[in-house]
Amino acid sequence: MSVDASKGHKEMDYPEHLRTYSAFIQFTKVSIILLVILLSAMAFFLVR
């Protein structure tokens, strides 16, 4: 992913911003997967 920083603020740290955004997206994906697993396990074990 590339960002055109030519029109941005000079003090903005774009590489750090992109690393933070990527980490947030990765955390969100992992959280959703874990929640799906948890809800599936609850449906399987608690609704029998």
N, C-alpha and C. Protein backbone atom coordinates (compact mmCIF):
# COMPACT_ATOMS: atom_id res chain seq x y z
N MET A 1 0.85 -1.16 0.00
CA MET A 1 0.00 0.00 0.00
C MET A 1 0.90 1.23 0.00
N SER A 2 0.67 2.11 -0.93
CA SER A 2 1.48 3.32 -0.99
C SER A 2 0.58 4.53 -0.79
N VAL A 3 1.16 5.55 -0.21
CA VAL A 3 0.42 6.77 0.09
C VAL A 3 1.16 7.94 -0.52
N ASP A 4 0.43 8.81 -1.19
CA ASP A 4 1.02 10.02 -1.73
C ASP A 4 1.06 11.06 -0.61
N ALA A 5 2.23 11.25 -0.03
CA ALA A 5 2.38 12.17 1.10
C ALA A 5 2.77 13.57 0.66
N SER A 6 2.76 13.85 -0.62
CA SER A 6 3.20 15.15 -1.10
C SER A 6 2.27 16.29 -0.66
N LYS A 7 0.99 15.98 -0.47
CA LYS A 7 0.05 17.02 -0.05
C LYS A 7 -0.24 16.98 1.44
N GLY A 8 0.41 16.07 2.15
CA GLY A 8 0.17 15.93 3.59
C GLY A 8 1.02 16.88 4.41
N HIS A 9 0.77 16.84 5.70
CA HIS A 9 1.52 17.68 6.64
C HIS A 9 2.94 17.16 6.75
N LYS A 10 3.91 18.05 6.84
CA LYS A 10 5.33 17.66 6.86
C LYS A 10 5.68 16.80 8.07
N GLU A 11 5.00 17.02 9.20
CA GLU A 11 5.34 16.31 10.42
C GLU A 11 4.61 14.97 10.55
N MET A 12 3.74 14.65 9.63
CA MET A 12 3.00 13.40 9.69
C MET A 12 3.94 12.24 9.36
N ASP A 13 3.95 11.24 10.23
CA ASP A 13 4.79 10.05 10.05
C ASP A 13 3.97 8.97 9.34
N TYR A 14 3.92 9.02 8.01
CA TYR A 14 3.07 8.11 7.23
C TYR A 14 3.45 6.64 7.40
N PRO A 15 4.73 6.29 7.41
CA PRO A 15 5.04 4.86 7.60
C PRO A 15 4.52 4.32 8.95
N GLU A 16 4.64 5.11 9.99
CA GLU A 16 4.13 4.67 11.30
C GLU A 16 2.61 4.58 11.29
N HIS A 17 1.97 5.51 10.63
CA HIS A 17 0.51 5.48 10.50
C HIS A 17 0.07 4.20 9.78
N LEU A 18 0.75 3.84 8.71
CA LEU A 18 0.40 2.64 7.96
C LEU A 18 0.65 1.37 8.78
N ARG A 19 1.73 1.35 9.57
CA ARG A 19 1.99 0.19 10.43
C ARG A 19 0.90 0.05 11.48
N THR A 20 0.48 1.16 12.06
CA THR A 20 -0.57 1.13 13.07
C THR A 20 -1.89 0.66 12.45
N TYR A 21 -2.22 1.17 11.29
CA TYR A 21 -3.45 0.78 10.61
C TYR A 21 -3.42 -0.71 10.25
N SER A 22 -2.29 -1.19 9.75
CA SER A 22 -2.18 -2.61 9.42
C SER A 22 -2.34 -3.49 10.66
N ALA A 23 -1.75 -3.08 11.76
CA ALA A 23 -1.89 -3.84 13.01
C ALA A 23 -3.35 -3.85 13.48
N PHE A 24 -4.03 -2.73 13.35
CA PHE A 24 -5.44 -2.65 13.73
C PHE A 24 -6.29 -3.59 12.87
N ILE A 25 -6.05 -3.61 11.57
CA ILE A 25 -6.80 -4.48 10.67
C ILE A 25 -6.52 -5.94 11.01
N GLN A 26 -5.28 -6.29 11.26
CA GLN A 26 -4.92 -7.65 11.62
C GLN A 26 -5.60 -8.06 12.93
N PHE A 27 -5.59 -7.19 13.93
CA PHE A 27 -6.25 -7.46 15.21
C PHE A 27 -7.75 -7.68 15.00
N THR A 28 -8.37 -6.87 14.15
CA THR A 28 -9.79 -6.99 13.88
C THR A 28 -10.12 -8.33 13.23
N LYS A 29 -9.31 -8.73 12.26
CA LYS A 29 -9.53 -10.02 11.59
C LYS A 29 -9.42 -11.18 12.57
N VAL A 30 -8.38 -11.17 13.39
CA VAL A 30 -8.18 -12.24 14.36
C VAL A 30 -9.32 -12.26 15.38
N SER A 31 -9.76 -11.10 15.82
CA SER A 31 -10.85 -11.02 16.78
C SER A 31 -12.14 -11.60 16.21
N ILE A 32 -12.44 -11.27 14.97
CA ILE A 32 -13.65 -11.80 14.33
C ILE A 32 -13.58 -13.31 14.21
N ILE A 33 -12.44 -13.83 13.81
CA ILE A 33 -12.29 -15.29 13.69
C ILE A 33 -12.47 -15.96 15.05
N LEU A 34 -11.86 -15.41 16.09
CA LEU A 34 -12.00 -15.99 17.42
C LEU A 34 -13.44 -15.92 17.92
N LEU A 35 -14.14 -14.84 17.63
CA LEU A 35 -15.54 -14.73 18.04
C LEU A 35 -16.41 -15.74 17.30
N VAL A 36 -16.15 -15.97 16.04
CA VAL A 36 -16.90 -16.98 15.29
C VAL A 36 -16.67 -18.37 15.88
N ILE A 37 -15.43 -18.67 16.22
CA ILE A 37 -15.11 -19.96 16.84
C ILE A 37 -15.81 -20.08 18.19
N LEU A 38 -15.76 -19.03 18.99
CA LEU A 38 -16.40 -19.05 20.31
C LEU A 38 -17.91 -19.25 20.19
N LEU A 39 -18.55 -18.50 19.30
CA LEU A 39 -19.99 -18.63 19.14
C LEU A 39 -20.38 -20.00 18.59
N SER A 40 -19.57 -20.54 17.70
CA SER A 40 -19.84 -21.88 17.17
C SER A 40 -19.72 -22.92 18.28
N ALA A 41 -18.70 -22.80 19.09
CA ALA A 41 -18.52 -23.74 20.21
C ALA A 41 -19.67 -23.62 21.20
N MET A 42 -20.11 -22.40 21.48
CA MET A 42 -21.24 -22.21 22.39
C MET A 42 -22.51 -22.83 21.81
N ALA A 43 -22.74 -22.65 20.52
CA ALA A 43 -23.93 -23.23 19.89
C ALA A 43 -23.86 -24.76 19.93
N PHE A 44 -22.69 -25.30 19.72
CA PHE A 44 -22.54 -26.76 19.70
C PHE A 44 -22.69 -27.36 21.10
N PHE A 45 -22.03 -26.76 22.10
CA PHE A 45 -22.00 -27.36 23.43
C PHE A 45 -23.15 -26.95 24.34
N LEU A 46 -23.73 -25.80 24.11
CA LEU A 46 -24.77 -25.32 25.04
C LEU A 46 -26.20 -25.54 24.55
N VAL A 47 -26.36 -25.87 23.27
CA VAL A 47 -27.70 -26.00 22.72
C VAL A 47 -28.01 -27.46 22.40
N ARG A 48 -27.37 -28.36 23.06
CA ARG A 48 -27.61 -29.78 22.81
C ARG A 48 -28.66 -30.31 23.70
